[in-house]
Amino acid sequence: MTVVDDEIPAVANLDHDLLGALRQAATDAADDGVEIFVDSGWRSPEYQEQLLREALAKYGSQEEAARWVATPDTSAHVSGHAIDIGPSDATAWLSKHGAEYGLCQIYSNEPWHYELRPEAVDHGCPPMYADPTHDPRMQP
C-alpha cells in the first residue's frame, strides 16, 4: 500500500502527525528516487491478536514472540502510532533521513518499524531498544 492512500484503513487510521511526517518524507524520498510503502500501519486489536498467536506458533514461547509482536494492549500499531515500511531501499533512506521528519526506528531488530518522535527533528532519534521486550511501554 502506498503512503498517500487514505482509503486504506491501515493508513487512514494513523495518527495525524505521524501521517503528515510520513507524507513529507515520502515526497522527499521520491525526489531521491526512493518509493516508501506502508507494509503495515494501523491494526485492529483483533488483527494484532492474530499476529501474536502466529508469532507464538512460530517462535514457540511467549518470551520469544514478544521480541517481534506486541499485545493488542501495548502495540503502537493498534493506537495508530507506528508504521512498518518497505522496501529495503526505503528503510535505508529513512534510517539516514528519518530524524529530519521525526521518524525514528525504535527497535534494532526491526529496521522496518518507525514511530514519530517530534523531538528528533532538533535532537536526532533516541537510542533504539534491542527489541520490544526492552521497551518500557511493552511491560505489563
N, C-alpha and C. Protein backbone atom coordinates (compact mmCIF):
# COMPACT_ATOMS: atom_id res chain seq x y z
N MET A 1 0.83 -1.17 0.00
CA MET A 1 0.00 0.00 0.00
C MET A 1 0.88 1.23 0.00
N THR A 2 0.42 2.25 -0.64
CA THR A 2 1.22 3.46 -0.73
C THR A 2 0.96 4.36 0.48
N VAL A 3 1.79 5.34 0.65
CA VAL A 3 1.67 6.26 1.77
C VAL A 3 0.43 7.14 1.65
N VAL A 4 0.06 7.53 0.47
CA VAL A 4 -0.96 8.56 0.31
C VAL A 4 -2.38 8.04 0.18
N ASP A 5 -2.62 6.76 0.23
CA ASP A 5 -3.94 6.22 0.00
C ASP A 5 -4.76 6.21 1.29
N ASP A 6 -5.52 7.28 1.51
CA ASP A 6 -6.34 7.40 2.71
C ASP A 6 -7.54 6.47 2.72
N GLU A 7 -7.79 5.76 1.65
CA GLU A 7 -8.91 4.83 1.61
C GLU A 7 -8.56 3.52 2.30
N ILE A 8 -7.30 3.28 2.56
CA ILE A 8 -6.86 2.05 3.21
C ILE A 8 -6.85 2.29 4.70
N PRO A 9 -7.62 1.52 5.49
CA PRO A 9 -7.69 1.78 6.93
C PRO A 9 -6.32 1.80 7.63
N ALA A 10 -5.38 0.99 7.18
CA ALA A 10 -4.05 0.96 7.81
C ALA A 10 -3.35 2.31 7.70
N VAL A 11 -3.72 3.11 6.71
CA VAL A 11 -3.15 4.45 6.54
C VAL A 11 -4.12 5.49 7.10
N ALA A 12 -5.38 5.38 6.78
CA ALA A 12 -6.37 6.38 7.20
C ALA A 12 -6.48 6.50 8.71
N ASN A 13 -6.23 5.41 9.44
CA ASN A 13 -6.36 5.43 10.89
C ASN A 13 -5.07 5.73 11.63
N LEU A 14 -4.03 6.14 10.90
CA LEU A 14 -2.79 6.52 11.55
C LEU A 14 -2.95 7.86 12.27
N ASP A 15 -2.16 8.06 13.30
CA ASP A 15 -2.09 9.34 13.97
C ASP A 15 -1.83 10.43 12.92
N HIS A 16 -2.54 11.54 13.04
CA HIS A 16 -2.46 12.62 12.05
C HIS A 16 -1.03 13.13 11.87
N ASP A 17 -0.33 13.35 12.97
CA ASP A 17 1.04 13.88 12.89
C ASP A 17 2.00 12.87 12.27
N LEU A 18 1.84 11.59 12.61
CA LEU A 18 2.67 10.55 12.01
C LEU A 18 2.44 10.50 10.51
N LEU A 19 1.19 10.55 10.10
CA LEU A 19 0.87 10.51 8.67
C LEU A 19 1.45 11.72 7.94
N GLY A 20 1.37 12.89 8.56
CA GLY A 20 1.94 14.08 7.93
C GLY A 20 3.44 13.98 7.75
N ALA A 21 4.13 13.51 8.77
CA ALA A 21 5.59 13.34 8.68
C ALA A 21 5.94 12.30 7.62
N LEU A 22 5.16 11.24 7.58
CA LEU A 22 5.40 10.18 6.60
C LEU A 22 5.19 10.68 5.18
N ARG A 23 4.15 11.45 4.97
CA ARG A 23 3.90 12.01 3.63
C ARG A 23 5.04 12.92 3.19
N GLN A 24 5.51 13.77 4.09
CA GLN A 24 6.60 14.68 3.75
C GLN A 24 7.86 13.88 3.43
N ALA A 25 8.17 12.89 4.24
CA ALA A 25 9.35 12.06 4.00
C ALA A 25 9.22 11.31 2.68
N ALA A 26 8.04 10.77 2.40
CA ALA A 26 7.83 10.02 1.15
C ALA A 26 8.00 10.92 -0.07
N THR A 27 7.55 12.16 0.02
CA THR A 27 7.72 13.11 -1.08
C THR A 27 9.19 13.38 -1.33
N ASP A 28 9.94 13.62 -0.26
CA ASP A 28 11.36 13.90 -0.40
C ASP A 28 12.14 12.65 -0.84
N ALA A 29 11.74 11.49 -0.34
CA ALA A 29 12.40 10.24 -0.77
C ALA A 29 12.17 10.02 -2.26
N ALA A 30 10.97 10.32 -2.73
CA ALA A 30 10.67 10.16 -4.16
C ALA A 30 11.57 11.05 -5.00
N ASP A 31 11.89 12.24 -4.49
CA ASP A 31 12.82 13.13 -5.20
C ASP A 31 14.21 12.49 -5.32
N ASP A 32 14.52 11.58 -4.40
CA ASP A 32 15.79 10.84 -4.45
C ASP A 32 15.65 9.50 -5.16
N GLY A 33 14.48 9.26 -5.77
CA GLY A 33 14.26 8.02 -6.49
C GLY A 33 13.90 6.82 -5.63
N VAL A 34 13.44 7.09 -4.39
CA VAL A 34 13.09 6.01 -3.46
C VAL A 34 11.59 6.07 -3.17
N GLU A 35 10.92 4.94 -3.33
CA GLU A 35 9.49 4.85 -3.02
C GLU A 35 9.32 4.21 -1.66
N ILE A 36 8.57 4.88 -0.80
CA ILE A 36 8.25 4.35 0.52
C ILE A 36 6.86 3.75 0.47
N PHE A 37 6.76 2.51 0.93
CA PHE A 37 5.47 1.83 1.02
C PHE A 37 5.18 1.52 2.48
N VAL A 38 3.93 1.67 2.88
CA VAL A 38 3.50 1.25 4.20
C VAL A 38 3.12 -0.22 4.10
N ASP A 39 3.95 -1.07 4.69
CA ASP A 39 3.65 -2.50 4.71
C ASP A 39 2.61 -2.81 5.76
N SER A 40 2.63 -2.06 6.85
CA SER A 40 1.65 -2.20 7.91
C SER A 40 1.60 -0.89 8.67
N GLY A 41 0.41 -0.46 8.98
CA GLY A 41 0.22 0.76 9.74
C GLY A 41 -0.69 0.47 10.91
N TRP A 42 -1.84 1.15 10.93
CA TRP A 42 -2.82 0.89 11.97
C TRP A 42 -3.31 -0.54 11.85
N ARG A 43 -3.50 -1.18 13.00
CA ARG A 43 -4.05 -2.53 13.05
C ARG A 43 -5.18 -2.58 14.07
N SER A 44 -6.19 -3.36 13.76
CA SER A 44 -7.25 -3.57 14.73
C SER A 44 -6.71 -4.44 15.86
N PRO A 45 -7.30 -4.35 17.04
CA PRO A 45 -6.87 -5.23 18.14
C PRO A 45 -7.00 -6.71 17.76
N GLU A 46 -8.03 -7.04 16.99
CA GLU A 46 -8.23 -8.43 16.59
C GLU A 46 -7.10 -8.91 15.68
N TYR A 47 -6.68 -8.07 14.75
CA TYR A 47 -5.59 -8.44 13.86
C TYR A 47 -4.28 -8.55 14.63
N GLN A 48 -4.06 -7.64 15.57
CA GLN A 48 -2.84 -7.70 16.38
C GLN A 48 -2.82 -9.00 17.18
N GLU A 49 -3.96 -9.40 17.72
CA GLU A 49 -4.05 -10.66 18.46
C GLU A 49 -3.74 -11.85 17.55
N GLN A 50 -4.23 -11.80 16.32
CA GLN A 50 -3.93 -12.87 15.35
C GLN A 50 -2.42 -12.93 15.09
N LEU A 51 -1.78 -11.77 14.90
CA LEU A 51 -0.34 -11.74 14.68
C LEU A 51 0.42 -12.32 15.88
N LEU A 52 -0.07 -12.02 17.07
CA LEU A 52 0.57 -12.55 18.28
C LEU A 52 0.42 -14.07 18.35
N ARG A 53 -0.75 -14.59 18.04
CA ARG A 53 -0.95 -16.06 18.02
C ARG A 53 -0.01 -16.71 17.00
N GLU A 54 0.11 -16.09 15.83
CA GLU A 54 1.01 -16.63 14.80
C GLU A 54 2.47 -16.61 15.27
N ALA A 55 2.86 -15.55 15.97
CA ALA A 55 4.23 -15.46 16.48
C ALA A 55 4.47 -16.52 17.56
N LEU A 56 3.47 -16.76 18.40
CA LEU A 56 3.61 -17.82 19.41
C LEU A 56 3.81 -19.17 18.75
N ALA A 57 3.04 -19.44 17.70
CA ALA A 57 3.18 -20.70 16.98
C ALA A 57 4.55 -20.79 16.30
N LYS A 58 5.01 -19.70 15.74
CA LYS A 58 6.28 -19.69 15.01
C LYS A 58 7.48 -19.81 15.95
N TYR A 59 7.48 -19.04 17.06
CA TYR A 59 8.64 -18.97 17.93
C TYR A 59 8.59 -19.92 19.12
N GLY A 60 7.41 -20.44 19.44
CA GLY A 60 7.30 -21.47 20.46
C GLY A 60 7.24 -21.02 21.90
N SER A 61 7.40 -19.73 22.15
CA SER A 61 7.29 -19.25 23.53
C SER A 61 6.81 -17.80 23.52
N GLN A 62 6.18 -17.43 24.62
CA GLN A 62 5.71 -16.06 24.79
C GLN A 62 6.89 -15.09 24.81
N GLU A 63 7.98 -15.50 25.44
CA GLU A 63 9.16 -14.64 25.56
C GLU A 63 9.75 -14.31 24.19
N GLU A 64 9.89 -15.32 23.34
CA GLU A 64 10.48 -15.09 22.01
C GLU A 64 9.50 -14.34 21.11
N ALA A 65 8.22 -14.69 21.18
CA ALA A 65 7.21 -13.99 20.37
C ALA A 65 7.17 -12.51 20.72
N ALA A 66 7.37 -12.18 22.00
CA ALA A 66 7.32 -10.78 22.45
C ALA A 66 8.46 -9.95 21.86
N ARG A 67 9.50 -10.60 21.37
CA ARG A 67 10.58 -9.86 20.72
C ARG A 67 10.14 -9.31 19.36
N TRP A 68 9.03 -9.81 18.84
CA TRP A 68 8.60 -9.45 17.49
C TRP A 68 7.19 -8.89 17.40
N VAL A 69 6.31 -9.27 18.31
CA VAL A 69 4.90 -8.85 18.21
C VAL A 69 4.39 -8.44 19.59
N ALA A 70 3.83 -7.24 19.65
CA ALA A 70 3.27 -6.73 20.90
C ALA A 70 1.84 -7.23 21.09
N THR A 71 1.36 -7.11 22.30
CA THR A 71 -0.04 -7.45 22.58
C THR A 71 -0.92 -6.33 22.02
N PRO A 72 -2.20 -6.59 21.83
CA PRO A 72 -3.09 -5.52 21.37
C PRO A 72 -3.13 -4.33 22.33
N ASP A 73 -2.93 -4.58 23.61
CA ASP A 73 -2.96 -3.51 24.61
C ASP A 73 -1.73 -2.61 24.57
N THR A 74 -0.61 -3.12 24.07
CA THR A 74 0.63 -2.34 24.09
C THR A 74 1.11 -1.93 22.70
N SER A 75 0.54 -2.47 21.65
CA SER A 75 1.03 -2.21 20.30
C SER A 75 0.83 -0.77 19.85
N ALA A 76 1.91 -0.16 19.38
CA ALA A 76 1.81 1.18 18.81
C ALA A 76 1.07 1.15 17.48
N HIS A 77 0.97 -0.01 16.86
CA HIS A 77 0.19 -0.13 15.62
C HIS A 77 -1.31 0.01 15.93
N VAL A 78 -1.77 -0.62 17.00
CA VAL A 78 -3.19 -0.57 17.36
C VAL A 78 -3.61 0.87 17.68
N SER A 79 -2.72 1.64 18.27
CA SER A 79 -3.05 3.03 18.59
C SER A 79 -2.84 3.97 17.40
N GLY A 80 -2.30 3.45 16.29
CA GLY A 80 -2.08 4.27 15.11
C GLY A 80 -0.79 5.07 15.16
N HIS A 81 0.14 4.69 16.04
CA HIS A 81 1.37 5.44 16.24
C HIS A 81 2.61 4.75 15.69
N ALA A 82 2.43 3.73 14.84
CA ALA A 82 3.59 3.04 14.28
C ALA A 82 3.30 2.63 12.84
N ILE A 83 4.39 2.57 12.07
CA ILE A 83 4.31 2.09 10.69
C ILE A 83 5.46 1.12 10.46
N ASP A 84 5.19 0.15 9.62
CA ASP A 84 6.24 -0.72 9.10
C ASP A 84 6.35 -0.37 7.63
N ILE A 85 7.57 -0.04 7.21
CA ILE A 85 7.75 0.42 5.84
C ILE A 85 8.67 -0.51 5.07
N GLY A 86 8.60 -0.39 3.78
CA GLY A 86 9.46 -1.14 2.88
C GLY A 86 9.49 -0.40 1.57
N PRO A 87 10.24 -0.87 0.61
CA PRO A 87 11.20 -1.98 0.64
C PRO A 87 12.51 -1.55 1.31
N SER A 88 13.54 -2.37 1.15
CA SER A 88 14.80 -2.13 1.86
C SER A 88 15.44 -0.79 1.51
N ASP A 89 15.29 -0.33 0.27
CA ASP A 89 15.87 0.99 -0.04
C ASP A 89 15.13 2.10 0.70
N ALA A 90 13.85 1.90 0.99
CA ALA A 90 13.09 2.88 1.76
C ALA A 90 13.53 2.86 3.23
N THR A 91 13.76 1.68 3.79
CA THR A 91 14.23 1.64 5.17
C THR A 91 15.63 2.25 5.28
N ALA A 92 16.46 2.02 4.27
CA ALA A 92 17.80 2.62 4.27
C ALA A 92 17.69 4.15 4.19
N TRP A 93 16.79 4.65 3.35
CA TRP A 93 16.61 6.09 3.21
C TRP A 93 16.13 6.70 4.52
N LEU A 94 15.12 6.05 5.14
CA LEU A 94 14.60 6.58 6.40
C LEU A 94 15.63 6.47 7.53
N SER A 95 16.43 5.45 7.50
CA SER A 95 17.49 5.31 8.50
C SER A 95 18.43 6.52 8.45
N LYS A 96 18.68 6.98 7.24
CA LYS A 96 19.59 8.12 7.05
C LYS A 96 18.89 9.46 7.28
N HIS A 97 17.65 9.61 6.83
CA HIS A 97 16.96 10.90 6.81
C HIS A 97 15.76 11.02 7.75
N GLY A 98 15.32 9.94 8.35
CA GLY A 98 14.08 9.94 9.12
C GLY A 98 14.01 10.97 10.23
N ALA A 99 15.11 11.18 10.93
CA ALA A 99 15.10 12.13 12.05
C ALA A 99 14.70 13.53 11.59
N GLU A 100 15.01 13.89 10.35
CA GLU A 100 14.64 15.20 9.83
C GLU A 100 13.13 15.42 9.85
N TYR A 101 12.38 14.32 9.87
CA TYR A 101 10.91 14.35 9.86
C TYR A 101 10.33 13.90 11.20
N GLY A 102 11.21 13.53 12.13
CA GLY A 102 10.76 12.98 13.40
C GLY A 102 10.43 11.51 13.32
N LEU A 103 10.81 10.86 12.25
CA LEU A 103 10.53 9.43 12.07
C LEU A 103 11.74 8.62 12.50
N CYS A 104 11.54 7.80 13.52
CA CYS A 104 12.66 7.08 14.12
C CYS A 104 12.41 5.58 14.15
N GLN A 105 13.46 4.84 13.85
CA GLN A 105 13.44 3.40 14.05
C GLN A 105 13.52 3.19 15.56
N ILE A 106 12.67 2.36 16.09
CA ILE A 106 12.56 2.20 17.54
C ILE A 106 13.32 0.97 18.03
N TYR A 107 13.31 -0.12 17.23
CA TYR A 107 13.90 -1.38 17.66
C TYR A 107 15.01 -1.81 16.72
N SER A 108 16.14 -2.20 17.29
CA SER A 108 17.28 -2.65 16.47
C SER A 108 16.94 -3.86 15.62
N ASN A 109 16.08 -4.73 16.13
CA ASN A 109 15.76 -5.96 15.39
C ASN A 109 14.66 -5.76 14.34
N GLU A 110 14.11 -4.56 14.24
CA GLU A 110 13.04 -4.29 13.28
C GLU A 110 13.36 -3.04 12.48
N PRO A 111 14.18 -3.15 11.43
CA PRO A 111 14.56 -1.97 10.65
C PRO A 111 13.40 -1.35 9.88
N TRP A 112 12.28 -2.00 9.84
CA TRP A 112 11.11 -1.52 9.10
C TRP A 112 10.14 -0.74 10.00
N HIS A 113 10.28 -0.82 11.32
CA HIS A 113 9.31 -0.25 12.27
C HIS A 113 9.73 1.17 12.65
N TYR A 114 8.85 2.14 12.36
CA TYR A 114 9.11 3.55 12.65
C TYR A 114 7.96 4.15 13.44
N GLU A 115 8.32 5.05 14.32
CA GLU A 115 7.35 5.81 15.10
C GLU A 115 7.76 7.28 15.07
N LEU A 116 6.81 8.15 15.34
CA LEU A 116 7.08 9.58 15.34
C LEU A 116 7.67 10.01 16.67
N ARG A 117 8.80 10.67 16.59
CA ARG A 117 9.45 11.30 17.74
C ARG A 117 9.78 12.73 17.32
N PRO A 118 8.82 13.67 17.52
CA PRO A 118 9.00 15.04 17.04
C PRO A 118 10.30 15.70 17.51
N GLU A 119 10.75 15.37 18.70
CA GLU A 119 11.99 15.97 19.21
C GLU A 119 13.20 15.56 18.39
N ALA A 120 13.09 14.51 17.59
CA ALA A 120 14.21 14.05 16.76
C ALA A 120 14.59 15.08 15.70
N VAL A 121 13.65 15.92 15.31
CA VAL A 121 13.94 16.95 14.31
C VAL A 121 15.08 17.84 14.79
N ASP A 122 15.09 18.15 16.08
CA ASP A 122 16.13 19.01 16.65
C ASP A 122 17.27 18.25 17.31
N HIS A 123 16.98 17.07 17.83
CA HIS A 123 17.96 16.37 18.67
C HIS A 123 18.38 15.01 18.15
N GLY A 124 17.85 14.58 17.02
CA GLY A 124 18.14 13.24 16.50
C GLY A 124 17.30 12.19 17.20
N CYS A 125 17.25 11.04 16.62
CA CYS A 125 16.45 9.95 17.17
C CYS A 125 17.06 9.43 18.46
N PRO A 126 16.22 9.01 19.40
CA PRO A 126 16.75 8.44 20.64
C PRO A 126 17.40 7.08 20.36
N PRO A 127 18.20 6.61 21.29
CA PRO A 127 18.79 5.28 21.10
C PRO A 127 17.69 4.23 20.93
N MET A 128 17.97 3.25 20.10
CA MET A 128 16.99 2.18 19.85
C MET A 128 17.02 1.17 20.99
N TYR A 129 15.87 0.55 21.20
CA TYR A 129 15.80 -0.62 22.07
C TYR A 129 16.25 -1.82 21.25
N ALA A 130 16.85 -2.81 21.90
CA ALA A 130 17.28 -4.01 21.18
C ALA A 130 16.10 -4.69 20.50
N ASP A 131 14.98 -4.76 21.18
CA ASP A 131 13.73 -5.32 20.66
C ASP A 131 12.61 -4.86 21.58
N PRO A 132 11.36 -5.16 21.26
CA PRO A 132 10.25 -4.66 22.08
C PRO A 132 10.30 -5.08 23.55
N THR A 133 10.96 -6.18 23.88
CA THR A 133 10.99 -6.60 25.27
C THR A 133 11.79 -5.64 26.15
N HIS A 134 12.60 -4.77 25.54
CA HIS A 134 13.37 -3.77 26.28
C HIS A 134 12.66 -2.41 26.35
N ASP A 135 11.54 -2.28 25.70
CA ASP A 135 10.77 -1.04 25.64
C ASP A 135 9.86 -0.97 26.87
N PRO A 136 10.01 0.03 27.72
CA PRO A 136 9.17 0.13 28.93
C PRO A 136 7.67 0.16 28.61
N ARG A 137 7.30 0.64 27.44
CA ARG A 137 5.87 0.68 27.08
C ARG A 137 5.29 -0.71 26.89
N MET A 138 6.13 -1.69 26.67
CA MET A 138 5.65 -3.05 26.41
C MET A 138 5.55 -3.90 27.67
N GLN A 139 5.92 -3.32 28.81
CA GLN A 139 5.89 -4.08 30.06
C GLN A 139 4.47 -4.13 30.61
N PRO A 140 4.11 -5.27 31.20
CA PRO A 140 2.75 -5.38 31.77
C PRO A 140 2.54 -4.46 32.96
